PDB file of N, CA and C in Angstrom:
ATOM      1  N   UNK A   1     142.438  27.996 -67.934  1.00  0.00           N
ATOM      2  CA  UNK A   1     141.375  27.291 -67.224  1.00  0.00           C
ATOM      3  C   UNK A   1     141.987  26.552 -66.035  1.00  0.00           C
ATOM      4  N   UNK A   2     141.276  26.538 -64.940  1.00  0.00           N
ATOM      5  CA  UNK A   2     141.762  25.888 -63.735  1.00  0.00           C
ATOM      6  C   UNK A   2     141.655  24.369 -63.853  1.00  0.00           C
ATOM      7  N   UNK A   3     142.461  23.669 -63.059  1.00  0.00           N
ATOM      8  CA  UNK A   3     142.516  22.204 -63.102  1.00  0.00           C
ATOM      9  C   UNK A   3     141.146  21.584 -62.868  1.00  0.00           C
ATOM     10  N   UNK A   4     140.421  22.065 -61.859  1.00  0.00           N
ATOM     11  CA  UNK A   4     139.093  21.506 -61.556  1.00  0.00           C
ATOM     12  C   UNK A   4     138.140  21.679 -62.727  1.00  0.00           C
ATOM     13  N   UNK A   5     138.199  22.832 -63.383  1.00  0.00           N
ATOM     14  CA  UNK A   5     137.339  23.077 -64.537  1.00  0.00           C
ATOM     15  C   UNK A   5     137.719  22.164 -65.695  1.00  0.00           C
ATOM     16  N   UNK A   6     139.010  21.954 -65.891  1.00  0.00           N
ATOM     17  CA  UNK A   6     139.470  21.065 -66.956  1.00  0.00           C
ATOM     18  C   UNK A   6     138.997  19.639 -66.700  1.00  0.00           C
ATOM     19  N   UNK A   7     139.134  19.185 -65.462  1.00  0.00           N
ATOM     20  CA  UNK A   7     138.670  17.836 -65.098  1.00  0.00           C
ATOM     21  C   UNK A   7     137.166  17.740 -65.320  1.00  0.00           C
ATOM     22  N   UNK A   8     136.435  18.772 -64.933  1.00  0.00           N
ATOM     23  CA  UNK A   8     134.977  18.785 -65.115  1.00  0.00           C
ATOM     24  C   UNK A   8     134.576  18.699 -66.578  1.00  0.00           C
ATOM     25  N   UNK A   9     135.215  19.482 -67.427  1.00  0.00           N
ATOM     26  CA  UNK A   9     134.909  19.453 -68.872  1.00  0.00           C
ATOM     27  C   UNK A   9     135.270  18.097 -69.470  1.00  0.00           C
ATOM     28  N   UNK A  10     136.387  17.557 -69.040  1.00  0.00           N
ATOM     29  CA  UNK A  10     136.796  16.243 -69.516  1.00  0.00           C
ATOM     30  C   UNK A  10     135.746  15.206 -69.117  1.00  0.00           C
ATOM     31  N   UNK A  11     135.297  15.269 -67.875  1.00  0.00           N
ATOM     32  CA  UNK A  11     134.267  14.353 -67.395  1.00  0.00           C
ATOM     33  C   UNK A  11     132.975  14.486 -68.177  1.00  0.00           C
ATOM     34  N   UNK A  12     132.564  15.718 -68.490  1.00  0.00           N
ATOM     35  CA  UNK A  12     131.349  15.930 -69.275  1.00  0.00           C
ATOM     36  C   UNK A  12     131.489  15.341 -70.672  1.00  0.00           C
ATOM     37  N   UNK A  13     132.652  15.506 -71.282  1.00  0.00           N
ATOM     38  CA  UNK A  13     132.875  14.924 -72.611  1.00  0.00           C
ATOM     39  C   UNK A  13     132.835  13.397 -72.563  1.00  0.00           C
ATOM     40  N   UNK A  14     133.442  12.810 -71.532  1.00  0.00           N
ATOM     41  CA  UNK A  14     133.393  11.353 -71.381  1.00  0.00           C
ATOM     42  C   UNK A  14     131.959  10.876 -71.148  1.00  0.00           C
ATOM     43  N   UNK A  15     131.201  11.646 -70.363  1.00  0.00           N
ATOM     44  CA  UNK A  15     129.800  11.295 -70.106  1.00  0.00           C
ATOM     45  C   UNK A  15     128.985  11.344 -71.397  1.00  0.00           C
ATOM     46  N   UNK A  16     129.226  12.341 -72.239  1.00  0.00           N
ATOM     47  CA  UNK A  16     128.528  12.430 -73.528  1.00  0.00           C
ATOM     48  C   UNK A  16     128.851  11.226 -74.406  1.00  0.00           C
ATOM     49  N   UNK A  17     130.117  10.856 -74.461  1.00  0.00           N
ATOM     50  CA  UNK A  17     130.513   9.682 -75.249  1.00  0.00           C
ATOM     51  C   UNK A  17     129.821   8.426 -74.726  1.00  0.00           C
ATOM     52  N   UNK A  18     129.801   8.283 -73.408  1.00  0.00           N
ATOM     53  CA  UNK A  18     129.140   7.143 -72.777  1.00  0.00           C
ATOM     54  C   UNK A  18     127.649   7.109 -73.147  1.00  0.00           C
ATOM     55  N   UNK A  19     126.993   8.262 -73.026  1.00  0.00           N
ATOM     56  CA  UNK A  19     125.559   8.317 -73.331  1.00  0.00           C
ATOM     57  C   UNK A  19     125.282   7.970 -74.788  1.00  0.00           C
ATOM     58  N   UNK A  20     126.063   8.522 -75.702  1.00  0.00           N
ATOM     59  CA  UNK A  20     125.866   8.246 -77.126  1.00  0.00           C
ATOM     60  C   UNK A  20     126.058   6.767 -77.449  1.00  0.00           C
ATOM     61  N   UNK A  21     127.001   6.116 -76.793  1.00  0.00           N
ATOM     62  CA  UNK A  21     127.232   4.685 -76.996  1.00  0.00           C
ATOM     63  C   UNK A  21     126.092   3.836 -76.433  1.00  0.00           C
ATOM     64  N   UNK A  22     125.303   4.436 -75.524  1.00  0.00           N
ATOM     65  CA  UNK A  22     124.227   3.703 -74.869  1.00  0.00           C
ATOM     66  C   UNK A  22     122.845   4.207 -75.295  1.00  0.00           C
ATOM     67  N   UNK A  23     122.737   4.613 -76.547  1.00  0.00           N
ATOM     68  CA  UNK A  23     121.465   4.975 -77.175  1.00  0.00           C
ATOM     69  C   UNK A  23     120.796   6.221 -76.604  1.00  0.00           C
ATOM     70  N   UNK A  24     121.597   7.227 -76.344  1.00  0.00           N
ATOM     71  CA  UNK A  24     121.088   8.528 -75.974  1.00  0.00           C
ATOM     72  C   UNK A  24     121.480   9.504 -77.077  1.00  0.00           C
ATOM     73  N   UNK A  25     120.628  10.465 -77.315  1.00  0.00           N
ATOM     74  CA  UNK A  25     120.957  11.535 -78.259  1.00  0.00           C
ATOM     75  C   UNK A  25     121.139  12.812 -77.446  1.00  0.00           C
ATOM     76  N   UNK A  26     122.295  13.426 -77.561  1.00  0.00           N
ATOM     77  CA  UNK A  26     122.600  14.647 -76.822  1.00  0.00           C
ATOM     78  C   UNK A  26     121.848  15.806 -77.478  1.00  0.00           C
ATOM     79  N   UNK A  27     121.033  16.502 -76.681  1.00  0.00           N
ATOM     80  CA  UNK A  27     120.276  17.642 -77.178  1.00  0.00           C
ATOM     81  C   UNK A  27     120.965  18.959 -76.831  1.00  0.00           C
ATOM     82  N   UNK A  28     121.517  19.041 -75.633  1.00  0.00           N
ATOM     83  CA  UNK A  28     122.178  20.270 -75.164  1.00  0.00           C
ATOM     84  C   UNK A  28     123.319  19.896 -74.223  1.00  0.00           C
ATOM     85  N   UNK A  29     124.344  20.734 -74.235  1.00  0.00           N
ATOM     86  CA  UNK A  29     125.420  20.643 -73.242  1.00  0.00           C
ATOM     87  C   UNK A  29     125.508  21.994 -72.555  1.00  0.00           C
ATOM     88  N   UNK A  30     125.676  21.951 -71.242  1.00  0.00           N
ATOM     89  CA  UNK A  30     125.837  23.163 -70.442  1.00  0.00           C
ATOM     90  C   UNK A  30     124.719  24.176 -70.704  1.00  0.00           C
ATOM     91  N   UNK A  31     123.471  23.691 -70.603  1.00  0.00           N
ATOM     92  CA  UNK A  31     122.316  24.570 -70.762  1.00  0.00           C
ATOM     93  C   UNK A  31     122.254  25.504 -69.560  1.00  0.00           C
ATOM     94  N   UNK A  32     122.290  26.793 -69.836  1.00  0.00           N
ATOM     95  CA  UNK A  32     122.374  27.797 -68.788  1.00  0.00           C
ATOM     96  C   UNK A  32     121.192  28.753 -68.890  1.00  0.00           C
ATOM     97  N   UNK A  33     120.588  29.030 -67.752  1.00  0.00           N
ATOM     98  CA  UNK A  33     119.535  30.030 -67.670  1.00  0.00           C
ATOM     99  C   UNK A  33     119.606  30.673 -66.294  1.00  0.00           C
ATOM    100  N   UNK A  34     118.710  31.588 -66.016  1.00  0.00           N
ATOM    101  CA  UNK A  34     118.731  32.301 -64.745  1.00  0.00           C
ATOM    102  C   UNK A  34     118.612  31.359 -63.547  1.00  0.00           C
ATOM    103  N   UNK A  35     117.898  30.247 -63.720  1.00  0.00           N
ATOM    104  CA  UNK A  35     117.689  29.309 -62.624  1.00  0.00           C
ATOM    105  C   UNK A  35     118.916  28.458 -62.313  1.00  0.00           C
ATOM    106  N   UNK A  36     119.837  28.346 -63.244  1.00  0.00           N
ATOM    107  CA  UNK A  36     121.034  27.544 -63.030  1.00  0.00           C
ATOM    108  C   UNK A  36     121.513  26.899 -64.315  1.00  0.00           C
ATOM    109  N   UNK A  37     122.204  25.790 -64.173  1.00  0.00           N
ATOM    110  CA  UNK A  37     122.790  25.101 -65.329  1.00  0.00           C
ATOM    111  C   UNK A  37     122.574  23.597 -65.201  1.00  0.00           C
ATOM    112  N   UNK A  38     122.404  22.971 -66.354  1.00  0.00           N
ATOM    113  CA  UNK A  38     122.373  21.505 -66.431  1.00  0.00           C
ATOM    114  C   UNK A  38     123.482  21.103 -67.376  1.00  0.00           C
ATOM    115  N   UNK A  39     124.273  20.118 -66.958  1.00  0.00           N
ATOM    116  CA  UNK A  39     125.436  19.711 -67.750  1.00  0.00           C
ATOM    117  C   UNK A  39     125.040  19.128 -69.101  1.00  0.00           C
ATOM    118  N   UNK A  40     124.108  18.174 -69.087  1.00  0.00           N
ATOM    119  CA  UNK A  40     123.716  17.500 -70.326  1.00  0.00           C
ATOM    120  C   UNK A  40     122.202  17.294 -70.331  1.00  0.00           C
ATOM    121  N   UNK A  41     121.596  17.571 -71.474  1.00  0.00           N
ATOM    122  CA  UNK A  41     120.193  17.221 -71.692  1.00  0.00           C
ATOM    123  C   UNK A  41     120.204  16.265 -72.873  1.00  0.00           C
ATOM    124  N   UNK A  42     119.616  15.096 -72.659  1.00  0.00           N
ATOM    125  CA  UNK A  42     119.664  14.051 -73.687  1.00  0.00           C
ATOM    126  C   UNK A  42     118.314  13.358 -73.797  1.00  0.00           C
ATOM    127  N   UNK A  43     118.153  12.640 -74.868  1.00  0.00           N
ATOM    128  CA  UNK A  43     116.955  11.822 -75.046  1.00  0.00           C
ATOM    129  C   UNK A  43     117.375  10.362 -74.998  1.00  0.00           C
ATOM    130  N   UNK A  44     116.757   9.619 -74.084  1.00  0.00           N
ATOM    131  CA  UNK A  44     116.966   8.170 -74.015  1.00  0.00           C
ATOM    132  C   UNK A  44     116.128   7.574 -75.133  1.00  0.00           C
ATOM    133  N   UNK A  45     116.767   7.152 -76.193  1.00  0.00           N
ATOM    134  CA  UNK A  45     116.071   6.692 -77.385  1.00  0.00           C
ATOM    135  C   UNK A  45     115.256   5.433 -77.104  1.00  0.00           C
ATOM    136  N   UNK A  46     115.790   4.518 -76.301  1.00  0.00           N
ATOM    137  CA  UNK A  46     115.079   3.271 -76.008  1.00  0.00           C
ATOM    138  C   UNK A  46     113.807   3.502 -75.209  1.00  0.00           C
ATOM    139  N   UNK A  47     113.878   4.364 -74.194  1.00  0.00           N
ATOM    140  CA  UNK A  47     112.733   4.580 -73.308  1.00  0.00           C
ATOM    141  C   UNK A  47     111.917   5.811 -73.686  1.00  0.00           C
ATOM    142  N   UNK A  48     112.399   6.564 -74.683  1.00  0.00           N
ATOM    143  CA  UNK A  48     111.727   7.787 -75.120  1.00  0.00           C
ATOM    144  C   UNK A  48     111.506   8.752 -73.949  1.00  0.00           C
ATOM    145  N   UNK A  49     112.572   8.944 -73.171  1.00  0.00           N
ATOM    146  CA  UNK A  49     112.536   9.854 -72.037  1.00  0.00           C
ATOM    147  C   UNK A  49     113.497  11.013 -72.262  1.00  0.00           C
ATOM    148  N   UNK A  50     113.112  12.167 -71.743  1.00  0.00           N
ATOM    149  CA  UNK A  50     114.004  13.320 -71.723  1.00  0.00           C
ATOM    150  C   UNK A  50     114.795  13.226 -70.426  1.00  0.00           C
ATOM    151  N   UNK A  51     116.125  13.282 -70.529  1.00  0.00           N
ATOM    152  CA  UNK A  51     116.983  13.050 -69.373  1.00  0.00           C
ATOM    153  C   UNK A  51     117.865  14.271 -69.128  1.00  0.00           C
ATOM    154  N   UNK A  52     117.776  14.781 -67.903  1.00  0.00           N
ATOM    155  CA  UNK A  52     118.633  15.872 -67.457  1.00  0.00           C
ATOM    156  C   UNK A  52     119.746  15.240 -66.640  1.00  0.00           C
ATOM    157  N   UNK A  53     120.989  15.494 -67.036  1.00  0.00           N
ATOM    158  CA  UNK A  53     122.127  14.792 -66.445  1.00  0.00           C
ATOM    159  C   UNK A  53     123.072  15.769 -65.767  1.00  0.00           C
ATOM    160  N   UNK A  54     123.337  15.500 -64.515  1.00  0.00           N
ATOM    161  CA  UNK A  54     124.369  16.227 -63.761  1.00  0.00           C
ATOM    162  C   UNK A  54     125.610  15.341 -63.757  1.00  0.00           C
ATOM    163  N   UNK A  55     126.728  15.873 -64.213  1.00  0.00           N
ATOM    164  CA  UNK A  55     127.970  15.115 -64.276  1.00  0.00           C
ATOM    165  C   UNK A  55     128.873  15.577 -63.134  1.00  0.00           C
ATOM    166  N   UNK A  56     129.368  14.618 -62.372  1.00  0.00           N
ATOM    167  CA  UNK A  56     130.303  14.908 -61.292  1.00  0.00           C
ATOM    168  C   UNK A  56     131.561  14.086 -61.531  1.00  0.00           C
ATOM    169  N   UNK A  57     132.676  14.775 -61.643  1.00  0.00           N
ATOM    170  CA  UNK A  57     133.954  14.135 -61.951  1.00  0.00           C
ATOM    171  C   UNK A  57     134.897  14.276 -60.769  1.00  0.00           C
ATOM    172  N   UNK A  58     135.591  13.191 -60.462  1.00  0.00           N
ATOM    173  CA  UNK A  58     136.559  13.206 -59.366  1.00  0.00           C
ATOM    174  C   UNK A  58     137.852  12.525 -59.812  1.00  0.00           C
ATOM    175  N   UNK A  59     138.955  13.079 -59.318  1.00  0.00           N
ATOM    176  CA  UNK A  59     140.257  12.469 -59.581  1.00  0.00           C
ATOM    177  C   UNK A  59     140.819  11.834 -58.313  1.00  0.00           C
ATOM    178  N   UNK A  60     140.078  11.952 -57.204  1.00  0.00           N
ATOM    179  CA  UNK A  60     140.447  11.282 -55.957  1.00  0.00           C
ATOM    180  C   UNK A  60     139.187  11.147 -55.107  1.00  0.00           C
ATOM    181  N   UNK A  61     139.300  10.488 -53.989  1.00  0.00           N
ATOM    182  CA  UNK A  61     138.148  10.269 -53.121  1.00  0.00           C
ATOM    183  C   UNK A  61     138.213  11.119 -51.850  1.00  0.00           C
ATOM    184  N   UNK A  62     138.970  12.172 -51.900  1.00  0.00           N
ATOM    185  CA  UNK A  62     139.182  13.033 -50.738  1.00  0.00           C
ATOM    186  C   UNK A  62     137.872  13.607 -50.180  1.00  0.00           C
ATOM    187  N   UNK A  63     136.927  13.915 -51.070  1.00  0.00           N
ATOM    188  CA  UNK A  63     135.669  14.524 -50.642  1.00  0.00           C
ATOM    189  C   UNK A  63     134.473  13.583 -50.816  1.00  0.00           C
ATOM    190  N   UNK A  64     134.714  12.289 -50.847  1.00  0.00           N
ATOM    191  CA  UNK A  64     133.627  11.320 -50.983  1.00  0.00           C
ATOM    192  C   UNK A  64     133.298  11.021 -52.433  1.00  0.00           C
ATOM    193  N   UNK A  65     132.213  10.285 -52.623  1.00  0.00           N
ATOM    194  CA  UNK A  65     131.860   9.939 -53.998  1.00  0.00           C
ATOM    195  C   UNK A  65     131.178  11.125 -54.682  1.00  0.00           C
ATOM    196  N   UNK A  66     131.244  11.192 -55.991  1.00  0.00           N
ATOM    197  CA  UNK A  66     130.742  12.361 -56.711  1.00  0.00           C
ATOM    198  C   UNK A  66     129.260  12.665 -56.487  1.00  0.00           C
ATOM    199  N   UNK A  67     128.420  11.658 -56.413  1.00  0.00           N
ATOM    200  CA  UNK A  67     126.981  11.902 -56.268  1.00  0.00           C
ATOM    201  C   UNK A  67     126.651  12.633 -54.972  1.00  0.00           C
ATOM    202  N   UNK A  68     127.490  12.502 -53.965  1.00  0.00           N
ATOM    203  CA  UNK A  68     127.252  13.208 -52.703  1.00  0.00           C
ATOM    204  C   UNK A  68     127.328  14.723 -52.875  1.00  0.00           C
ATOM    205  N   UNK A  69     127.956  15.176 -53.941  1.00  0.00           N
ATOM    206  CA  UNK A  69     128.067  16.612 -54.203  1.00  0.00           C
ATOM    207  C   UNK A  69     126.774  17.192 -54.778  1.00  0.00           C
ATOM    208  N   UNK A  70     125.825  16.328 -55.105  1.00  0.00           N
ATOM    209  CA  UNK A  70     124.531  16.807 -55.597  1.00  0.00           C
ATOM    210  C   UNK A  70     123.638  17.015 -54.376  1.00  0.00           C
ATOM    211  N   UNK A  71     123.810  18.160 -53.772  1.00  0.00           N
ATOM    212  CA  UNK A  71     123.114  18.504 -52.538  1.00  0.00           C
ATOM    213  C   UNK A  71     121.640  18.807 -52.803  1.00  0.00           C
ATOM    214  N   UNK A  72     120.882  18.969 -51.741  1.00  0.00           N
ATOM    215  CA  UNK A  72     119.464  19.333 -51.876  1.00  0.00           C
ATOM    216  C   UNK A  72     119.323  20.647 -52.634  1.00  0.00           C
ATOM    217  N   UNK A  73     120.203  21.586 -52.360  1.00  0.00           N
ATOM    218  CA  UNK A  73     120.167  22.875 -53.065  1.00  0.00           C
ATOM    219  C   UNK A  73     120.438  22.680 -54.554  1.00  0.00           C
ATOM    220  N   UNK A  74     121.425  21.850 -54.897  1.00  0.00           N
ATOM    221  CA  UNK A  74     121.738  21.574 -56.302  1.00  0.00           C
ATOM    222  C   UNK A  74     120.568  20.859 -56.973  1.00  0.00           C
ATOM    223  N   UNK A  75     119.930  19.931 -56.268  1.00  0.00           N
ATOM    224  CA  UNK A  75     118.765  19.235 -56.806  1.00  0.00           C
ATOM    225  C   UNK A  75     117.645  20.223 -57.120  1.00  0.00           C
ATOM    226  N   UNK A  76     117.436  21.172 -56.225  1.00  0.00           N
ATOM    227  CA  UNK A  76     116.404  22.188 -56.429  1.00  0.00           C
ATOM    228  C   UNK A  76     116.689  22.988 -57.704  1.00  0.00           C
ATOM    229  N   UNK A  77     117.937  23.382 -57.898  1.00  0.00           N
ATOM    230  CA  UNK A  77     118.318  24.148 -59.089  1.00  0.00           C
ATOM    231  C   UNK A  77     118.126  23.318 -60.360  1.00  0.00           C
ATOM    232  N   UNK A  78     118.510  22.054 -60.304  1.00  0.00           N
ATOM    233  CA  UNK A  78     118.356  21.186 -61.478  1.00  0.00           C
ATOM    234  C   UNK A  78     116.880  21.086 -61.851  1.00  0.00           C
ATOM    235  N   UNK A  79     116.013  20.897 -60.862  1.00  0.00           N
ATOM    236  CA  UNK A  79     114.571  20.804 -61.132  1.00  0.00           C
ATOM    237  C   UNK A  79     114.042  22.103 -61.726  1.00  0.00           C
ATOM    238  N   UNK A  80     114.496  23.234 -61.217  1.00  0.00           N
ATOM    239  CA  UNK A  80     114.044  24.523 -61.749  1.00  0.00           C
ATOM    240  C   UNK A  80     114.485  24.711 -63.198  1.00  0.00           C
ATOM    241  N   UNK A  81     115.720  24.354 -63.491  1.00  0.00           N
ATOM    242  CA  UNK A  81     116.229  24.479 -64.858  1.00  0.00           C
ATOM    243  C   UNK A  81     115.479  23.517 -65.774  1.00  0.00           C
ATOM    244  N   UNK A  82     115.216  22.311 -65.303  1.00  0.00           N
ATOM    245  CA  UNK A  82     114.477  21.333 -66.106  1.00  0.00           C
ATOM    246  C   UNK A  82     113.083  21.864 -66.437  1.00  0.00           C
ATOM    247  N   UNK A  83     112.395  22.423 -65.448  1.00  0.00           N
ATOM    248  CA  UNK A  83     111.059  22.996 -65.686  1.00  0.00           C
ATOM    249  C   UNK A  83     111.123  24.114 -66.724  1.00  0.00           C
ATOM    250  N   UNK A  84     112.122  24.965 -66.589  1.00  0.00           N
ATOM    251  CA  UNK A  84     112.269  26.068 -67.541  1.00  0.00           C
ATOM    252  C   UNK A  84     112.545  25.539 -68.948  1.00  0.00           C
ATOM    253  N   UNK A  85     113.415  24.546 -69.071  1.00  0.00           N
ATOM    254  CA  UNK A  85     113.745  23.967 -70.381  1.00  0.00           C
ATOM    255  C   UNK A  85     112.495  23.376 -71.031  1.00  0.00           C
ATOM    256  N   UNK A  86     111.723  22.644 -70.245  1.00  0.00           N
ATOM    257  CA  UNK A  86     110.490  22.029 -70.756  1.00  0.00           C
ATOM    258  C   UNK A  86     109.519  23.108 -71.230  1.00  0.00           C
ATOM    259  N   UNK A  87     109.384  24.164 -70.426  1.00  0.00           N
ATOM    260  CA  UNK A  87     108.513  25.280 -70.798  1.00  0.00           C
ATOM    261  C   UNK A  87     109.015  25.961 -72.074  1.00  0.00           C
ATOM    262  N   UNK A  88     110.283  26.274 -72.103  1.00  0.00           N
ATOM    263  CA  UNK A  88     110.866  27.006 -73.238  1.00  0.00           C
ATOM    264  C   UNK A  88     110.784  26.220 -74.544  1.00  0.00           C
ATOM    265  N   UNK A  89     110.962  24.916 -74.454  1.00  0.00           N
ATOM    266  CA  UNK A  89     110.959  24.069 -75.655  1.00  0.00           C
ATOM    267  C   UNK A  89     109.574  23.507 -75.982  1.00  0.00           C
ATOM    268  N   UNK A  90     108.578  23.886 -75.197  1.00  0.00           N
ATOM    269  CA  UNK A  90     107.192  23.431 -75.421  1.00  0.00           C
ATOM    270  C   UNK A  90     107.092  21.907 -75.467  1.00  0.00           C
ATOM    271  N   UNK A  91     107.693  21.268 -74.494  1.00  0.00           N
ATOM    272  CA  UNK A  91     107.695  19.805 -74.428  1.00  0.00           C
ATOM    273  C   UNK A  91     106.469  19.349 -73.649  1.00  0.00           C
ATOM    274  N   UNK A  92     105.675  18.503 -74.290  1.00  0.00           N
ATOM    275  CA  UNK A  92     104.468  17.959 -73.671  1.00  0.00           C
ATOM    276  C   UNK A  92     104.473  16.444 -73.790  1.00  0.00           C
ATOM    277  N   UNK A  93     103.882  15.808 -72.842  1.00  0.00           N
ATOM    278  CA  UNK A  93     103.633  14.362 -72.914  1.00  0.00           C
ATOM    279  C   UNK A  93     104.904  13.549 -73.147  1.00  0.00           C
ATOM    280  N   UNK A  94     105.949  13.870 -72.424  1.00  0.00           N
ATOM    281  CA  UNK A  94     107.191  13.109 -72.510  1.00  0.00           C
ATOM    282  C   UNK A  94     107.665  12.830 -71.097  1.00  0.00           C
ATOM    283  N   UNK A  95     108.060  11.604 -70.853  1.00  0.00           N
ATOM    284  CA  UNK A  95     108.591  11.254 -69.538  1.00  0.00           C
ATOM    285  C   UNK A  95     109.912  11.981 -69.312  1.00  0.00           C
ATOM    286  N   UNK A  96     110.103  12.397 -68.076  1.00  0.00           N
ATOM    287  CA  UNK A  96     111.293  13.158 -67.699  1.00  0.00           C
ATOM    288  C   UNK A  96     112.041  12.379 -66.620  1.00  0.00           C
ATOM    289  N   UNK A  97     113.362  12.470 -66.674  1.00  0.00           N
ATOM    290  CA  UNK A  97     114.193  11.798 -65.676  1.00  0.00           C
ATOM    291  C   UNK A  97     115.401  12.673 -65.374  1.00  0.00           C
ATOM    292  N   UNK A  98     115.864  12.626 -64.132  1.00  0.00           N
ATOM    293  CA  UNK A  98     117.080  13.330 -63.742  1.00  0.00           C
ATOM    294  C   UNK A  98     118.091  12.295 -63.268  1.00  0.00           C
ATOM    295  N   UNK A  99     119.243  12.281 -63.908  1.00  0.00           N
ATOM    296  CA  UNK A  99     120.298  11.312 -63.614  1.00  0.00           C
ATOM    297  C   UNK A  99     121.566  12.019 -63.161  1.00  0.00           C
ATOM    298  N   UNK A 100     122.425  11.245 -62.538  1.00  0.00           N
ATOM    299  CA  UNK A 100     123.773  11.707 -62.226  1.00  0.00           C
ATOM    300  C   UNK A 100     124.743  10.713 -62.853  1.00  0.00           C
ATOM    301  N   UNK A 101     125.756  11.244 -63.506  1.00  0.00           N
ATOM    302  CA  UNK A 101     126.832  10.403 -64.010  1.00  0.00           C
ATOM    303  C   UNK A 101     128.088  10.766 -63.230  1.00  0.00           C
ATOM    304  N   UNK A 102     128.615   9.766 -62.543  1.00  0.00           N
ATOM    305  CA  UNK A 102     129.870   9.924 -61.813  1.00  0.00           C
ATOM    306  C   UNK A 102     131.002   9.489 -62.732  1.00  0.00           C
ATOM    307  N   UNK A 103     131.995  10.335 -62.857  1.00  0.00           N
ATOM    308  CA  UNK A 103     133.175  10.009 -63.654  1.00  0.00           C
ATOM    309  C   UNK A 103     134.369   9.999 -62.709  1.00  0.00           C
ATOM    310  N   UNK A 104     135.030   8.859 -62.646  1.00  0.00           N
ATOM    311  CA  UNK A 104     136.227   8.712 -61.823  1.00  0.00           C
ATOM    312  C   UNK A 104     137.429   8.683 -62.748  1.00  0.00           C
ATOM    313  N   UNK A 105     138.341   9.612 -62.562  1.00  0.00           N
ATOM    314  CA  UNK A 105     139.581   9.638 -63.339  1.00  0.00           C
ATOM    315  C   UNK A 105     140.710   9.406 -62.348  1.00  0.00           C
ATOM    316  N   UNK A 106     141.237   8.198 -62.364  1.00  0.00           N
ATOM    317  CA  UNK A 106     142.287   7.809 -61.427  1.00  0.00           C
ATOM    318  C   UNK A 106     143.480   7.291 -62.219  1.00  0.00           C
ATOM    319  N   UNK A 107     144.581   8.020 -62.148  1.00  0.00           N
ATOM    320  CA  UNK A 107     145.793   7.719 -62.910  1.00  0.00           C
ATOM    321  C   UNK A 107     145.436   7.644 -64.387  1.00  0.00           C
ATOM    322  N   UNK A 108     145.642   6.506 -65.021  1.00  0.00           N
ATOM    323  CA  UNK A 108     145.343   6.367 -66.444  1.00  0.00           C
ATOM    324  C   UNK A 108     143.989   5.703 -66.694  1.00  0.00           C
ATOM    325  N   UNK A 109     143.243   5.449 -65.642  1.00  0.00           N
ATOM    326  CA  UNK A 109     141.959   4.757 -65.776  1.00  0.00           C
ATOM    327  C   UNK A 109     140.797   5.721 -65.620  1.00  0.00           C
ATOM    328  N   UNK A 110     139.709   5.375 -66.279  1.00  0.00           N
ATOM    329  CA  UNK A 110     138.494   6.154 -66.191  1.00  0.00           C
ATOM    330  C   UNK A 110     137.335   5.190 -65.966  1.00  0.00           C
ATOM    331  N   UNK A 111     136.492   5.509 -65.012  1.00  0.00           N
ATOM    332  CA  UNK A 111     135.321   4.679 -64.730  1.00  0.00           C
ATOM    333  C   UNK A 111     134.096   5.581 -64.695  1.00  0.00           C
ATOM    334  N   UNK A 112     133.015   5.106 -65.302  1.00  0.00           N
ATOM    335  CA  UNK A 112     131.768   5.869 -65.333  1.00  0.00           C
ATOM    336  C   UNK A 112     130.695   5.074 -64.614  1.00  0.00           C
ATOM    337  N   UNK A 113     129.982   5.756 -63.734  1.00  0.00           N
ATOM    338  CA  UNK A 113     128.873   5.146 -63.000  1.00  0.00           C
ATOM    339  C   UNK A 113     127.631   5.999 -63.256  1.00  0.00           C
ATOM    340  N   UNK A 114     126.633   5.412 -63.909  1.00  0.00           N
ATOM    341  CA  UNK A 114     125.411   6.120 -64.289  1.00  0.00           C
ATOM    342  C   UNK A 114     124.318   5.793 -63.283  1.00  0.00           C
ATOM    343  N   UNK A 115     123.865   6.804 -62.561  1.00  0.00           N
ATOM    344  CA  UNK A 115     122.804   6.638 -61.578  1.00  0.00           C
ATOM    345  C   UNK A 115     121.534   7.242 -62.176  1.00  0.00           C
ATOM    346  N   UNK A 116     120.572   6.381 -62.475  1.00  0.00           N
ATOM    347  CA  UNK A 116     119.344   6.840 -63.111  1.00  0.00           C
ATOM    348  C   UNK A 116     118.302   7.221 -62.055  1.00  0.00           C
ATOM    349  N   UNK A 117     117.557   8.266 -62.392  1.00  0.00           N
ATOM    350  CA  UNK A 117     116.466   8.761 -61.532  1.00  0.00           C
ATOM    351  C   UNK A 117     116.937   8.938 -60.103  1.00  0.00           C
ATOM    352  N   UNK A 118     117.912   9.782 -59.926  1.00  0.00           N
ATOM    353  CA  UNK A 118     118.543   9.939 -58.611  1.00  0.00           C
ATOM    354  C   UNK A 118     117.629  10.577 -57.584  1.00  0.00           C
ATOM    355  N   UNK A 119     116.746  11.463 -57.986  1.00  0.00           N
ATOM    356  CA  UNK A 119     115.824  12.078 -57.022  1.00  0.00           C
ATOM    357  C   UNK A 119     114.551  12.452 -57.706  1.00  0.00           C
TER     358      UNK A 119
END
């Protein structure tokens, strides 16, 4: 596996741990369909919302902050995958939210920044 992929998987695992500690239940990881992929699908237990999470992990700031990598095209794909997931799972009458979790891995430190309802 390539370094970037390893960092990405590590970031997704850290994001899952973070979500579980903050009253989210992980429903799916790396949900893939023809429309694209969503890193994490979770339920916010406190707010009773279905949350689609895009995880962006960085080990440096060479290309800006992680959320900037969620382009308009990526947002479109996330929305399409979310619609398909809702249709496939027959989800009705539940609030939906799309979040981004930025994971910064710098030397021996890790920082997580959760951006709720990004678009």
